[in-house]
Amino acid sequence: MDSRERLLEALRRAFDGRSWHGPNLLGAIRGVTPEEAFFRPGRGRHSVYDLVLHAAYWKYVARRRLTGERRGSFPMKGSNFFDEPGTKDALAVAAAREVLVGEHGALVESVRTLPDSGFAERRGKWSAEELIAGVAAHDLYHAGQIQLVKKFFAERGRR
């Protein structure tokens, strides 16, 4: 398996593939209700909704770094963490999920089409290979965070 195949497999497993450790990112948000999605476990803490769009945004940033694409094509205004929608409903949750899925697909396509020589090239501090592996790690980190937020949501009434 070459670097491209290894990295694509890492992205797949972290995002929507079968993983030995538990839910991947898409699995962590499967079936999340609007109440769960917008719940904040404490003052200044992030919601599942926040984390979904944050993960999508950094996939977008990584893709831009790989392709040289200019800023401005992310589907929402802002960066990193975004304002909550005016209506916190199932449509807003589905829209955030759709942004995540779209950004993931665009990133995967950019990895598929990256020239072989491009994997070792520096993209700022990191090589393309390090950047792509970092996106997979980022997905898993936030999948775990989402699982914790969901647990806090479920336990909030038991205190």
N, C-alpha and C. Protein backbone atom coordinates (compact mmCIF):
# COMPACT_ATOMS: atom_id res chain seq x y z
N MET A 1 0.86 -1.17 0.00
CA MET A 1 0.00 0.00 0.00
C MET A 1 0.91 1.24 0.00
N ASP A 2 0.68 2.14 -0.94
CA ASP A 2 1.50 3.35 -1.01
C ASP A 2 0.95 4.43 -0.08
N SER A 3 1.65 5.55 -0.02
CA SER A 3 1.26 6.64 0.89
C SER A 3 -0.16 7.13 0.62
N ARG A 4 -0.49 7.32 -0.64
CA ARG A 4 -1.83 7.81 -0.98
C ARG A 4 -2.90 6.84 -0.45
N GLU A 5 -2.73 5.57 -0.73
CA GLU A 5 -3.71 4.57 -0.29
C GLU A 5 -3.80 4.51 1.23
N ARG A 6 -2.66 4.58 1.91
CA ARG A 6 -2.64 4.56 3.39
C ARG A 6 -3.37 5.77 3.96
N LEU A 7 -3.12 6.93 3.39
CA LEU A 7 -3.75 8.16 3.87
C LEU A 7 -5.25 8.17 3.58
N LEU A 8 -5.64 7.72 2.41
CA LEU A 8 -7.07 7.63 2.09
C LEU A 8 -7.77 6.66 3.02
N GLU A 9 -7.11 5.57 3.35
CA GLU A 9 -7.69 4.60 4.28
C GLU A 9 -7.80 5.19 5.68
N ALA A 10 -6.81 5.94 6.11
CA ALA A 10 -6.87 6.60 7.42
C ALA A 10 -8.02 7.61 7.46
N LEU A 11 -8.17 8.39 6.40
CA LEU A 11 -9.28 9.34 6.33
C LEU A 11 -10.63 8.62 6.38
N ARG A 12 -10.73 7.53 5.63
CA ARG A 12 -11.98 6.77 5.57
C ARG A 12 -12.33 6.19 6.94
N ARG A 13 -11.37 5.54 7.58
CA ARG A 13 -11.65 4.93 8.88
C ARG A 13 -12.02 5.97 9.93
N ALA A 14 -11.35 7.10 9.93
CA ALA A 14 -11.62 8.13 10.92
C ALA A 14 -12.97 8.80 10.67
N PHE A 15 -13.37 8.88 9.41
CA PHE A 15 -14.60 9.59 9.07
C PHE A 15 -15.84 8.69 9.06
N ASP A 16 -15.78 7.61 8.29
CA ASP A 16 -16.99 6.78 8.18
C ASP A 16 -16.72 5.29 8.02
N GLY A 17 -15.49 4.89 8.29
CA GLY A 17 -15.15 3.47 8.18
C GLY A 17 -15.24 2.76 9.52
N ARG A 18 -15.10 1.47 9.47
CA ARG A 18 -15.14 0.67 10.69
C ARG A 18 -13.84 0.87 11.45
N SER A 19 -13.96 1.12 12.73
CA SER A 19 -12.80 1.38 13.57
C SER A 19 -12.83 0.48 14.80
N TRP A 20 -11.68 0.05 15.24
CA TRP A 20 -11.59 -0.86 16.39
C TRP A 20 -11.91 -0.16 17.70
N HIS A 21 -11.75 1.14 17.75
CA HIS A 21 -11.82 1.90 19.01
C HIS A 21 -13.20 2.42 19.34
N GLY A 22 -14.11 2.39 18.41
CA GLY A 22 -15.44 2.94 18.64
C GLY A 22 -15.87 3.78 17.46
N PRO A 23 -16.83 4.67 17.69
CA PRO A 23 -17.38 5.43 16.57
C PRO A 23 -16.38 6.35 15.88
N ASN A 24 -16.49 6.38 14.58
CA ASN A 24 -15.75 7.36 13.79
C ASN A 24 -16.54 8.67 13.86
N LEU A 25 -16.10 9.70 13.15
CA LEU A 25 -16.75 11.00 13.25
C LEU A 25 -18.21 10.96 12.80
N LEU A 26 -18.47 10.37 11.64
CA LEU A 26 -19.85 10.32 11.15
C LEU A 26 -20.71 9.44 12.06
N GLY A 27 -20.15 8.36 12.57
CA GLY A 27 -20.88 7.51 13.50
C GLY A 27 -21.23 8.22 14.79
N ALA A 28 -20.35 9.10 15.25
CA ALA A 28 -20.59 9.84 16.49
C ALA A 28 -21.78 10.79 16.37
N ILE A 29 -22.06 11.25 15.16
CA ILE A 29 -23.18 12.19 15.00
C ILE A 29 -24.45 11.52 14.46
N ARG A 30 -24.37 10.23 14.17
CA ARG A 30 -25.54 9.51 13.65
C ARG A 30 -26.67 9.57 14.67
N GLY A 31 -27.83 10.00 14.24
CA GLY A 31 -29.01 10.01 15.08
C GLY A 31 -29.05 11.13 16.12
N VAL A 32 -28.11 12.06 16.06
CA VAL A 32 -28.11 13.16 17.04
C VAL A 32 -29.34 14.03 16.83
N THR A 33 -30.05 14.29 17.91
CA THR A 33 -31.24 15.13 17.87
C THR A 33 -30.82 16.60 17.95
N PRO A 34 -31.68 17.51 17.56
CA PRO A 34 -31.36 18.93 17.72
C PRO A 34 -31.03 19.29 19.18
N GLU A 35 -31.73 18.69 20.12
CA GLU A 35 -31.47 18.98 21.53
C GLU A 35 -30.04 18.57 21.90
N GLU A 36 -29.62 17.40 21.44
CA GLU A 36 -28.24 16.95 21.69
C GLU A 36 -27.24 17.83 20.94
N ALA A 37 -27.56 18.14 19.69
CA ALA A 37 -26.63 18.88 18.84
C ALA A 37 -26.31 20.26 19.38
N PHE A 38 -27.27 20.92 20.01
CA PHE A 38 -27.06 22.29 20.47
C PHE A 38 -26.81 22.39 21.97
N PHE A 39 -26.77 21.27 22.65
CA PHE A 39 -26.48 21.24 24.08
C PHE A 39 -25.02 21.63 24.33
N ARG A 40 -24.81 22.47 25.31
CA ARG A 40 -23.46 22.85 25.73
C ARG A 40 -23.23 22.32 27.14
N PRO A 41 -22.18 21.52 27.33
CA PRO A 41 -21.97 20.90 28.64
C PRO A 41 -21.52 21.88 29.73
N GLY A 42 -21.26 23.10 29.37
CA GLY A 42 -20.88 24.11 30.34
C GLY A 42 -20.69 25.44 29.64
N ARG A 43 -20.56 26.47 30.43
CA ARG A 43 -20.36 27.81 29.89
C ARG A 43 -19.06 27.84 29.07
N GLY A 44 -19.17 28.35 27.86
CA GLY A 44 -18.00 28.44 26.99
C GLY A 44 -17.57 27.13 26.36
N ARG A 45 -18.33 26.06 26.55
CA ARG A 45 -18.00 24.75 25.98
C ARG A 45 -18.69 24.60 24.62
N HIS A 46 -18.12 23.72 23.81
CA HIS A 46 -18.66 23.53 22.46
C HIS A 46 -19.75 22.48 22.43
N SER A 47 -20.69 22.71 21.54
CA SER A 47 -21.77 21.76 21.28
C SER A 47 -21.34 20.81 20.16
N VAL A 48 -22.14 19.76 19.98
CA VAL A 48 -21.91 18.85 18.86
C VAL A 48 -21.99 19.63 17.54
N TYR A 49 -22.96 20.51 17.43
CA TYR A 49 -23.09 21.35 16.23
C TYR A 49 -21.79 22.12 15.97
N ASP A 50 -21.24 22.73 17.01
CA ASP A 50 -19.98 23.47 16.87
C ASP A 50 -18.87 22.56 16.34
N LEU A 51 -18.77 21.38 16.93
CA LEU A 51 -17.67 20.46 16.59
C LEU A 51 -17.80 19.92 15.18
N VAL A 52 -19.03 19.70 14.72
CA VAL A 52 -19.25 19.23 13.35
C VAL A 52 -18.74 20.27 12.35
N LEU A 53 -19.13 21.52 12.55
CA LEU A 53 -18.71 22.56 11.61
C LEU A 53 -17.21 22.87 11.74
N HIS A 54 -16.69 22.75 12.94
CA HIS A 54 -15.25 22.94 13.16
C HIS A 54 -14.46 21.88 12.37
N ALA A 55 -14.88 20.63 12.46
CA ALA A 55 -14.21 19.57 11.71
C ALA A 55 -14.32 19.81 10.21
N ALA A 56 -15.48 20.23 9.77
CA ALA A 56 -15.67 20.53 8.34
C ALA A 56 -14.75 21.67 7.91
N TYR A 57 -14.65 22.70 8.73
CA TYR A 57 -13.82 23.85 8.38
C TYR A 57 -12.35 23.45 8.22
N TRP A 58 -11.84 22.62 9.13
CA TRP A 58 -10.43 22.25 9.03
C TRP A 58 -10.16 21.28 7.90
N LYS A 59 -11.16 20.54 7.45
CA LYS A 59 -11.01 19.75 6.23
C LYS A 59 -10.87 20.70 5.03
N TYR A 60 -11.66 21.75 5.06
CA TYR A 60 -11.59 22.79 4.03
C TYR A 60 -10.21 23.45 4.02
N VAL A 61 -9.69 23.79 5.20
CA VAL A 61 -8.37 24.42 5.30
C VAL A 61 -7.30 23.48 4.76
N ALA A 62 -7.36 22.22 5.14
CA ALA A 62 -6.37 21.24 4.66
C ALA A 62 -6.44 21.12 3.14
N ARG A 63 -7.65 21.05 2.61
CA ARG A 63 -7.80 20.96 1.15
C ARG A 63 -7.20 22.18 0.46
N ARG A 64 -7.46 23.36 1.00
CA ARG A 64 -6.89 24.59 0.42
C ARG A 64 -5.37 24.54 0.44
N ARG A 65 -4.82 24.03 1.52
CA ARG A 65 -3.35 23.93 1.61
C ARG A 65 -2.80 22.93 0.60
N LEU A 66 -3.54 21.87 0.35
CA LEU A 66 -3.09 20.86 -0.61
C LEU A 66 -3.19 21.35 -2.05
N THR A 67 -4.24 22.09 -2.34
CA THR A 67 -4.53 22.47 -3.72
C THR A 67 -4.10 23.89 -4.08
N GLY A 68 -3.84 24.71 -3.08
CA GLY A 68 -3.52 26.11 -3.34
C GLY A 68 -4.76 26.96 -3.59
N GLU A 69 -5.93 26.37 -3.37
CA GLU A 69 -7.18 27.09 -3.56
C GLU A 69 -7.24 28.31 -2.64
N ARG A 70 -7.83 29.37 -3.15
CA ARG A 70 -7.95 30.61 -2.38
C ARG A 70 -9.04 30.48 -1.32
N ARG A 71 -8.94 31.31 -0.31
CA ARG A 71 -9.96 31.37 0.74
C ARG A 71 -11.28 31.85 0.15
N GLY A 72 -12.35 31.56 0.87
CA GLY A 72 -13.63 32.11 0.48
C GLY A 72 -14.64 31.13 -0.05
N SER A 73 -14.27 29.86 -0.17
CA SER A 73 -15.22 28.92 -0.74
C SER A 73 -15.91 28.05 0.32
N PHE A 74 -15.66 28.29 1.62
CA PHE A 74 -16.36 27.53 2.64
C PHE A 74 -17.82 27.94 2.62
N PRO A 75 -18.75 27.01 2.80
CA PRO A 75 -20.18 27.32 2.65
C PRO A 75 -20.78 28.27 3.69
N MET A 76 -20.02 28.59 4.72
CA MET A 76 -20.53 29.49 5.76
C MET A 76 -19.54 30.62 5.98
N LYS A 77 -20.06 31.76 6.45
CA LYS A 77 -19.18 32.89 6.78
C LYS A 77 -18.53 32.62 8.13
N GLY A 78 -17.26 33.00 8.21
CA GLY A 78 -16.54 32.83 9.45
C GLY A 78 -15.44 31.80 9.32
N SER A 79 -14.89 31.41 10.46
CA SER A 79 -13.85 30.40 10.46
C SER A 79 -13.80 29.70 11.81
N ASN A 80 -13.32 28.48 11.80
CA ASN A 80 -13.06 27.67 12.97
C ASN A 80 -14.33 27.29 13.72
N PHE A 81 -14.94 28.20 14.47
CA PHE A 81 -16.21 27.96 15.14
C PHE A 81 -17.20 29.01 14.65
N PHE A 82 -18.44 28.60 14.46
CA PHE A 82 -19.43 29.43 13.79
C PHE A 82 -20.60 29.74 14.72
N ASP A 83 -21.32 30.81 14.39
CA ASP A 83 -22.51 31.16 15.15
C ASP A 83 -23.56 30.08 14.98
N GLU A 84 -24.37 29.91 16.01
CA GLU A 84 -25.48 28.98 15.91
C GLU A 84 -26.53 29.54 14.95
N PRO A 85 -27.29 28.68 14.31
CA PRO A 85 -28.33 29.16 13.41
C PRO A 85 -29.46 29.79 14.22
N GLY A 86 -30.26 30.61 13.56
CA GLY A 86 -31.41 31.22 14.22
C GLY A 86 -32.41 30.21 14.72
N THR A 87 -32.59 29.15 13.96
CA THR A 87 -33.51 28.09 14.33
C THR A 87 -32.71 26.81 14.59
N LYS A 88 -32.76 26.33 15.80
CA LYS A 88 -32.00 25.14 16.20
C LYS A 88 -32.88 23.91 16.03
N ASP A 89 -33.00 23.46 14.80
CA ASP A 89 -33.89 22.35 14.52
C ASP A 89 -33.17 21.26 13.72
N ALA A 90 -33.93 20.23 13.34
CA ALA A 90 -33.36 19.11 12.59
C ALA A 90 -32.78 19.55 11.25
N LEU A 91 -33.36 20.56 10.63
CA LEU A 91 -32.83 21.06 9.36
C LEU A 91 -31.44 21.66 9.55
N ALA A 92 -31.24 22.39 10.64
CA ALA A 92 -29.93 22.99 10.92
C ALA A 92 -28.88 21.90 11.18
N VAL A 93 -29.28 20.87 11.91
CA VAL A 93 -28.38 19.76 12.19
C VAL A 93 -28.02 19.04 10.89
N ALA A 94 -29.02 18.79 10.06
CA ALA A 94 -28.78 18.12 8.78
C ALA A 94 -27.90 18.97 7.87
N ALA A 95 -28.09 20.28 7.89
CA ALA A 95 -27.27 21.17 7.06
C ALA A 95 -25.81 21.13 7.52
N ALA A 96 -25.58 21.12 8.81
CA ALA A 96 -24.20 21.05 9.32
C ALA A 96 -23.56 19.72 8.92
N ARG A 97 -24.31 18.64 9.03
CA ARG A 97 -23.81 17.33 8.62
C ARG A 97 -23.47 17.32 7.14
N GLU A 98 -24.33 17.95 6.34
CA GLU A 98 -24.10 18.01 4.90
C GLU A 98 -22.82 18.79 4.55
N VAL A 99 -22.58 19.87 5.28
CA VAL A 99 -21.33 20.63 5.08
C VAL A 99 -20.14 19.72 5.40
N LEU A 100 -20.22 18.99 6.51
CA LEU A 100 -19.14 18.08 6.90
C LEU A 100 -18.90 17.02 5.83
N VAL A 101 -19.95 16.38 5.38
CA VAL A 101 -19.83 15.33 4.37
C VAL A 101 -19.26 15.91 3.06
N GLY A 102 -19.74 17.09 2.66
CA GLY A 102 -19.23 17.72 1.44
C GLY A 102 -17.77 18.08 1.52
N GLU A 103 -17.36 18.65 2.64
CA GLU A 103 -15.95 19.02 2.81
C GLU A 103 -15.06 17.79 2.87
N HIS A 104 -15.56 16.73 3.50
CA HIS A 104 -14.79 15.49 3.54
C HIS A 104 -14.60 14.93 2.12
N GLY A 105 -15.67 14.90 1.36
CA GLY A 105 -15.58 14.41 -0.01
C GLY A 105 -14.61 15.22 -0.86
N ALA A 106 -14.65 16.53 -0.70
CA ALA A 106 -13.74 17.40 -1.46
C ALA A 106 -12.29 17.17 -1.05
N LEU A 107 -12.06 16.96 0.25
CA LEU A 107 -10.70 16.68 0.71
C LEU A 107 -10.20 15.35 0.15
N VAL A 108 -11.03 14.33 0.23
CA VAL A 108 -10.65 13.01 -0.29
C VAL A 108 -10.31 13.12 -1.77
N GLU A 109 -11.10 13.85 -2.52
CA GLU A 109 -10.82 14.01 -3.95
C GLU A 109 -9.49 14.72 -4.17
N SER A 110 -9.18 15.70 -3.35
CA SER A 110 -7.90 16.40 -3.51
C SER A 110 -6.73 15.48 -3.19
N VAL A 111 -6.90 14.56 -2.24
CA VAL A 111 -5.85 13.58 -1.92
C VAL A 111 -5.71 12.60 -3.08
N ARG A 112 -6.83 12.18 -3.65
CA ARG A 112 -6.79 11.24 -4.78
C ARG A 112 -6.05 11.83 -5.98
N THR A 113 -6.18 13.13 -6.18
CA THR A 113 -5.61 13.76 -7.38
C THR A 113 -4.28 14.47 -7.12
N LEU A 114 -3.80 14.45 -5.89
CA LEU A 114 -2.51 15.07 -5.58
C LEU A 114 -1.40 14.31 -6.31
N PRO A 115 -0.53 15.01 -7.01
CA PRO A 115 0.57 14.31 -7.68
C PRO A 115 1.41 13.53 -6.66
N ASP A 116 1.96 12.40 -7.07
CA ASP A 116 2.78 11.58 -6.17
C ASP A 116 3.87 12.40 -5.49
N SER A 117 4.46 13.30 -6.25
CA SER A 117 5.55 14.13 -5.70
C SER A 117 5.05 15.12 -4.65
N GLY A 118 3.75 15.36 -4.63
CA GLY A 118 3.18 16.35 -3.72
C GLY A 118 3.09 15.92 -2.27
N PHE A 119 3.18 14.64 -1.98
CA PHE A 119 3.02 14.17 -0.60
C PHE A 119 4.15 14.61 0.32
N ALA A 120 5.33 14.75 -0.23
CA ALA A 120 6.47 15.16 0.60
C ALA A 120 6.63 16.68 0.65
N GLU A 121 5.93 17.40 -0.23
CA GLU A 121 6.07 18.86 -0.26
C GLU A 121 5.56 19.48 1.03
N ARG A 122 6.26 20.54 1.48
CA ARG A 122 5.85 21.26 2.68
C ARG A 122 4.65 22.14 2.34
N ARG A 123 3.71 22.17 3.26
CA ARG A 123 2.54 23.04 3.17
C ARG A 123 2.56 23.87 4.45
N GLY A 124 3.43 24.87 4.48
CA GLY A 124 3.65 25.59 5.72
C GLY A 124 4.60 24.76 6.57
N LYS A 125 4.23 24.51 7.82
CA LYS A 125 5.07 23.72 8.73
C LYS A 125 5.09 22.24 8.40
N TRP A 126 4.06 21.75 7.70
CA TRP A 126 3.86 20.32 7.56
C TRP A 126 3.92 19.89 6.10
N SER A 127 4.32 18.65 5.89
CA SER A 127 4.24 18.08 4.54
C SER A 127 2.77 17.74 4.27
N ALA A 128 2.47 17.54 3.02
CA ALA A 128 1.10 17.15 2.67
C ALA A 128 0.72 15.85 3.38
N GLU A 129 1.65 14.92 3.45
CA GLU A 129 1.38 13.65 4.12
C GLU A 129 1.05 13.86 5.59
N GLU A 130 1.82 14.70 6.27
CA GLU A 130 1.55 15.00 7.69
C GLU A 130 0.21 15.71 7.86
N LEU A 131 -0.09 16.61 6.95
CA LEU A 131 -1.34 17.36 7.01
C LEU A 131 -2.55 16.41 6.88
N ILE A 132 -2.49 15.51 5.93
CA ILE A 132 -3.60 14.57 5.69
C ILE A 132 -3.76 13.62 6.88
N ALA A 133 -2.66 13.09 7.39
CA ALA A 133 -2.73 12.23 8.57
C ALA A 133 -3.29 13.00 9.76
N GLY A 134 -2.95 14.27 9.85
CA GLY A 134 -3.47 15.12 10.92
C GLY A 134 -4.97 15.30 10.85
N VAL A 135 -5.51 15.38 9.64
CA VAL A 135 -6.97 15.51 9.49
C VAL A 135 -7.66 14.26 10.03
N ALA A 136 -7.11 13.09 9.74
CA ALA A 136 -7.69 11.85 10.27
C ALA A 136 -7.65 11.85 11.80
N ALA A 137 -6.54 12.25 12.37
CA ALA A 137 -6.43 12.32 13.83
C ALA A 137 -7.41 13.34 14.40
N HIS A 138 -7.58 14.45 13.72
CA HIS A 138 -8.51 15.50 14.14
C HIS A 138 -9.94 14.96 14.16
N ASP A 139 -10.31 14.20 13.15
CA ASP A 139 -11.65 13.60 13.11
C ASP A 139 -11.87 12.70 14.33
N LEU A 140 -10.89 11.88 14.64
CA LEU A 140 -11.05 10.96 15.76
C LEU A 140 -11.08 11.69 17.10
N TYR A 141 -10.28 12.70 17.23
CA TYR A 141 -10.29 13.51 18.45
C TYR A 141 -11.68 14.09 18.69
N HIS A 142 -12.25 14.67 17.65
CA HIS A 142 -13.57 15.29 17.81
C HIS A 142 -14.69 14.27 17.89
N ALA A 143 -14.52 13.09 17.30
CA ALA A 143 -15.50 12.02 17.49
C ALA A 143 -15.58 11.67 18.98
N GLY A 144 -14.44 11.59 19.63
CA GLY A 144 -14.41 11.32 21.07
C GLY A 144 -15.05 12.44 21.87
N GLN A 145 -14.75 13.67 21.48
CA GLN A 145 -15.36 14.82 22.16
C GLN A 145 -16.88 14.79 22.02
N ILE A 146 -17.35 14.48 20.83
CA ILE A 146 -18.79 14.42 20.59
C ILE A 146 -19.42 13.33 21.45
N GLN A 147 -18.75 12.19 21.57
CA GLN A 147 -19.28 11.13 22.42
C GLN A 147 -19.40 11.61 23.87
N LEU A 148 -18.44 12.38 24.35
CA LEU A 148 -18.51 12.92 25.71
C LEU A 148 -19.65 13.93 25.86
N VAL A 149 -19.80 14.81 24.89
CA VAL A 149 -20.89 15.79 24.96
C VAL A 149 -22.23 15.07 24.99
N LYS A 150 -22.38 14.04 24.18
CA LYS A 150 -23.63 13.26 24.18
C LYS A 150 -23.85 12.60 25.54
N LYS A 151 -22.79 12.10 26.14
CA LYS A 151 -22.90 11.48 27.48
C LYS A 151 -23.32 12.53 28.51
N PHE A 152 -22.71 13.71 28.47
CA PHE A 152 -23.09 14.79 29.39
C PHE A 152 -24.56 15.17 29.18
N PHE A 153 -24.99 15.20 27.93
CA PHE A 153 -26.40 15.51 27.63
C PHE A 153 -27.31 14.47 28.28
N ALA A 154 -26.97 13.21 28.11
CA ALA A 154 -27.80 12.13 28.64
C ALA A 154 -27.83 12.14 30.17
N GLU A 155 -26.75 12.56 30.79
CA GLU A 155 -26.65 12.54 32.26
C GLU A 155 -27.12 13.83 32.91
N ARG A 156 -27.42 14.85 32.15
CA ARG A 156 -27.73 16.17 32.73
C ARG A 156 -28.91 16.13 33.68
N GLY A 157 -29.88 15.28 33.45
CA GLY A 157 -31.06 15.22 34.30
C GLY A 157 -30.89 14.31 35.51
N ARG A 158 -29.81 13.57 35.55
CA ARG A 158 -29.60 12.60 36.64
C ARG A 158 -28.88 13.21 37.84
N ARG A 159 -28.42 14.44 37.72
CA ARG A 159 -27.65 15.06 38.80
C ARG A 159 -28.52 15.56 39.90
